[in-house]
C-alpha atoms as a PDB file:
ATOM      1  CA  UNK A   1      22.252-169.336 -62.215  1.00  0.00           C
ATOM      2  CA  UNK A   2      22.899-172.984 -61.173  1.00  0.00           C
ATOM      3  CA  UNK A   3      21.564-172.994 -57.325  1.00  0.00           C
ATOM      4  CA  UNK A   4      24.551-172.154 -54.950  1.00  0.00           C
ATOM      5  CA  UNK A   5      26.673-171.020 -58.303  1.00  0.00           C
ATOM      6  CA  UNK A   6      27.809-167.244 -56.763  1.00  0.00           C
ATOM      7  CA  UNK A   7      28.347-164.272 -59.243  1.00  0.00           C
ATOM      8  CA  UNK A   8      31.736-163.998 -60.380  1.00  0.00           C
ATOM      9  CA  UNK A   9      33.630-161.412 -57.796  1.00  0.00           C
ATOM     10  CA  UNK A  10      30.952-162.170 -54.893  1.00  0.00           C
ATOM     11  CA  UNK A  11      34.255-163.569 -53.245  1.00  0.00           C
ATOM     12  CA  UNK A  12      36.249-160.270 -53.800  1.00  0.00           C
ATOM     13  CA  UNK A  13      33.515-158.294 -52.326  1.00  0.00           C
ATOM     14  CA  UNK A  14      33.933-160.347 -49.098  1.00  0.00           C
ATOM     15  CA  UNK A  15      37.691-160.458 -49.092  1.00  0.00           C
ATOM     16  CA  UNK A  16      37.250-156.781 -49.505  1.00  0.00           C
ATOM     17  CA  UNK A  17      35.087-156.532 -46.407  1.00  0.00           C
ATOM     18  CA  UNK A  18      37.341-159.107 -44.114  1.00  0.00           C
ATOM     19  CA  UNK A  19      40.381-156.961 -45.041  1.00  0.00           C
ATOM     20  CA  UNK A  20      38.560-153.656 -43.931  1.00  0.00           C
ATOM     21  CA  UNK A  21      36.720-154.926 -41.043  1.00  0.00           C
ATOM     22  CA  UNK A  22      40.259-156.332 -39.923  1.00  0.00           C
ATOM     23  CA  UNK A  23      41.811-152.672 -40.495  1.00  0.00           C
ATOM     24  CA  UNK A  24      39.068-150.875 -39.170  1.00  0.00           C
ATOM     25  CA  UNK A  25      39.554-152.901 -36.022  1.00  0.00           C
ATOM     26  CA  UNK A  26      43.079-152.600 -36.103  1.00  0.00           C
ATOM     27  CA  UNK A  27      42.865-148.937 -36.124  1.00  0.00           C
ATOM     28  CA  UNK A  28      40.231-148.938 -32.795  1.00  0.00           C
ATOM     29  CA  UNK A  29      42.760-150.865 -30.439  1.00  0.00           C
ATOM     30  CA  UNK A  30      45.585-148.673 -31.537  1.00  0.00           C
ATOM     31  CA  UNK A  31      43.245-145.593 -31.135  1.00  0.00           C
ATOM     32  CA  UNK A  32      42.126-146.901 -27.677  1.00  0.00           C
ATOM     33  CA  UNK A  33      45.765-147.495 -26.815  1.00  0.00           C
ATOM     34  CA  UNK A  34      47.116-143.917 -28.143  1.00  0.00           C
ATOM     35  CA  UNK A  35      44.042-142.644 -25.813  1.00  0.00           C
ATOM     36  CA  UNK A  36      45.476-143.900 -22.781  1.00  0.00           C
ATOM     37  CA  UNK A  37      43.230-146.702 -22.587  1.00  0.00           C
ATOM     38  CA  UNK A  38      46.313-149.689 -21.685  1.00  0.00           C
ATOM     39  CA  UNK A  39      43.364-152.547 -21.419  1.00  0.00           C
ATOM     40  CA  UNK A  40      39.980-152.220 -24.071  1.00  0.00           C
ATOM     41  CA  UNK A  41      37.832-154.782 -24.175  1.00  0.00           C
ATOM     42  CA  UNK A  42      36.569-156.213 -27.142  1.00  0.00           C
ATOM     43  CA  UNK A  43      33.404-155.309 -26.914  1.00  0.00           C
ATOM     44  CA  UNK A  44      34.300-151.020 -26.307  1.00  0.00           C
ATOM     45  CA  UNK A  45      37.362-151.835 -29.698  1.00  0.00           C
ATOM     46  CA  UNK A  46      33.937-153.447 -31.841  1.00  0.00           C
ATOM     47  CA  UNK A  47      32.373-150.077 -30.628  1.00  0.00           C
ATOM     48  CA  UNK A  48      35.403-147.953 -31.848  1.00  0.00           C
ATOM     49  CA  UNK A  49      35.313-149.561 -35.703  1.00  0.00           C
ATOM     50  CA  UNK A  50      31.248-149.803 -36.022  1.00  0.00           C
ATOM     51  CA  UNK A  51      31.369-153.977 -36.647  1.00  0.00           C
ATOM     52  CA  UNK A  52      29.738-156.225 -33.981  1.00  0.00           C
ATOM     53  CA  UNK A  53      31.822-158.258 -31.620  1.00  0.00           C
ATOM     54  CA  UNK A  54      31.656-161.767 -33.447  1.00  0.00           C
ATOM     55  CA  UNK A  55      33.470-159.791 -36.331  1.00  0.00           C
ATOM     56  CA  UNK A  56      36.200-159.599 -34.009  1.00  0.00           C
ATOM     57  CA  UNK A  57      36.456-163.138 -33.037  1.00  0.00           C
ATOM     58  CA  UNK A  58      35.752-164.742 -36.180  1.00  0.00           C
ATOM     59  CA  UNK A  59      38.834-161.705 -38.172  1.00  0.00           C
ATOM     60  CA  UNK A  60      41.041-162.037 -34.986  1.00  0.00           C
ATOM     61  CA  UNK A  61      41.443-165.063 -33.235  1.00  0.00           C
ATOM     62  CA  UNK A  62      41.820-163.608 -29.879  1.00  0.00           C
ATOM     63  CA  UNK A  63      42.712-160.809 -28.274  1.00  0.00           C
ATOM     64  CA  UNK A  64      46.025-161.624 -27.998  1.00  0.00           C
ATOM     65  CA  UNK A  65      46.204-162.195 -31.995  1.00  0.00           C
ATOM     66  CA  UNK A  66      44.992-158.411 -32.146  1.00  0.00           C
ATOM     67  CA  UNK A  67      47.483-156.905 -30.488  1.00  0.00           C
ATOM     68  CA  UNK A  68      49.896-159.337 -32.275  1.00  0.00           C
ATOM     69  CA  UNK A  69      48.414-157.579 -35.592  1.00  0.00           C
ATOM     70  CA  UNK A  70      48.534-153.641 -33.458  1.00  0.00           C
ATOM     71  CA  UNK A  71      52.375-154.245 -32.301  1.00  0.00           C
ATOM     72  CA  UNK A  72      53.083-155.274 -35.476  1.00  0.00           C
ATOM     73  CA  UNK A  73      52.466-151.471 -36.995  1.00  0.00           C
ATOM     74  CA  UNK A  74      53.884-150.554 -34.309  1.00  0.00           C
ATOM     75  CA  UNK A  75      57.198-151.998 -35.193  1.00  0.00           C
ATOM     76  CA  UNK A  76      57.491-150.965 -38.242  1.00  0.00           C
ATOM     77  CA  UNK A  77      56.342-147.341 -37.498  1.00  0.00           C
ATOM     78  CA  UNK A  78      58.875-146.654 -34.630  1.00  0.00           C
ATOM     79  CA  UNK A  79      61.683-149.447 -35.335  1.00  0.00           C
ATOM     80  CA  UNK A  80      63.254-147.309 -37.970  1.00  0.00           C
ATOM     81  CA  UNK A  81      62.993-143.678 -35.958  1.00  0.00           C
ATOM     82  CA  UNK A  82      65.168-145.917 -33.256  1.00  0.00           C
ATOM     83  CA  UNK A  83      67.396-146.295 -35.847  1.00  0.00           C
ATOM     84  CA  UNK A  84      67.954-143.914 -38.057  1.00  0.00           C
ATOM     85  CA  UNK A  85      70.832-140.658 -36.225  1.00  0.00           C
ATOM     86  CA  UNK A  86      68.923-137.946 -34.472  1.00  0.00           C
ATOM     87  CA  UNK A  87      69.681-134.833 -36.110  1.00  0.00           C
ATOM     88  CA  UNK A  88      69.604-132.953 -32.863  1.00  0.00           C
ATOM     89  CA  UNK A  89      72.655-135.807 -31.695  1.00  0.00           C
ATOM     90  CA  UNK A  90      69.640-136.891 -28.810  1.00  0.00           C
ATOM     91  CA  UNK A  91      69.841-140.057 -27.886  1.00  0.00           C
ATOM     92  CA  UNK A  92      68.152-143.455 -28.248  1.00  0.00           C
ATOM     93  CA  UNK A  93      67.027-143.322 -24.795  1.00  0.00           C
ATOM     94  CA  UNK A  94      65.053-139.914 -25.123  1.00  0.00           C
ATOM     95  CA  UNK A  95      63.517-140.475 -29.005  1.00  0.00           C
ATOM     96  CA  UNK A  96      62.170-143.560 -27.137  1.00  0.00           C
ATOM     97  CA  UNK A  97      60.633-141.951 -23.841  1.00  0.00           C
ATOM     98  CA  UNK A  98      59.601-139.886 -26.323  1.00  0.00           C
ATOM     99  CA  UNK A  99      58.069-142.290 -28.738  1.00  0.00           C
ATOM    100  CA  UNK A 100      56.754-143.551 -25.846  1.00  0.00           C
ATOM    101  CA  UNK A 101      54.725-140.941 -24.594  1.00  0.00           C
ATOM    102  CA  UNK A 102      53.674-139.990 -27.747  1.00  0.00           C
ATOM    103  CA  UNK A 103      52.361-143.291 -27.875  1.00  0.00           C
ATOM    104  CA  UNK A 104      50.600-143.039 -24.250  1.00  0.00           C
ATOM    105  CA  UNK A 105      51.382-146.563 -23.961  1.00  0.00           C
ATOM    106  CA  UNK A 106      53.975-146.990 -21.620  1.00  0.00           C
ATOM    107  CA  UNK A 107      52.647-149.852 -19.152  1.00  0.00           C
ATOM    108  CA  UNK A 108      50.495-152.196 -22.006  1.00  0.00           C
ATOM    109  CA  UNK A 109      52.516-155.249 -23.669  1.00  0.00           C
ATOM    110  CA  UNK A 110      52.998-153.343 -27.484  1.00  0.00           C
ATOM    111  CA  UNK A 111      56.091-151.910 -25.923  1.00  0.00           C
ATOM    112  CA  UNK A 112      56.828-155.405 -24.955  1.00  0.00           C
ATOM    113  CA  UNK A 113      58.957-155.819 -28.357  1.00  0.00           C
ATOM    114  CA  UNK A 114      60.045-152.157 -28.265  1.00  0.00           C
ATOM    115  CA  UNK A 115      62.020-152.278 -24.498  1.00  0.00           C
ATOM    116  CA  UNK A 116      63.691-155.730 -26.128  1.00  0.00           C
ATOM    117  CA  UNK A 117      64.688-153.960 -28.976  1.00  0.00           C
ATOM    118  CA  UNK A 118      65.981-151.147 -26.504  1.00  0.00           C
ATOM    119  CA  UNK A 119      67.943-152.985 -24.301  1.00  0.00           C
ATOM    120  CA  UNK A 120      70.075-154.274 -26.997  1.00  0.00           C
ATOM    121  CA  UNK A 121      70.920-150.706 -27.688  1.00  0.00           C
ATOM    122  CA  UNK A 122      72.625-150.085 -25.171  1.00  0.00           C
END
């Protein structure tokens, strides 16, 4: 093999590892927020994910980008629950309070989008 030539599939392996690390990092932030740690440090997120701090900032430009990723996941999971009619007839505001308690991140920026969504549902 010539110098500088990579074996076929080498990039695919690195890409899969990067995607997996990115997922682990987002999972770690999500879990920390769910446990009530409203502003976990990047180091705490890295430790929980089992990666180095440099990996966090190699895969996410900054903490805001990481929060945006987790926010998108949260919106994806929560928005359908808020849009469907509840079987018990409760209001969307009651369900939203329950969901916010479930997530234990009432004061975090992650619920900014959900709050805006709810403001339009009054």
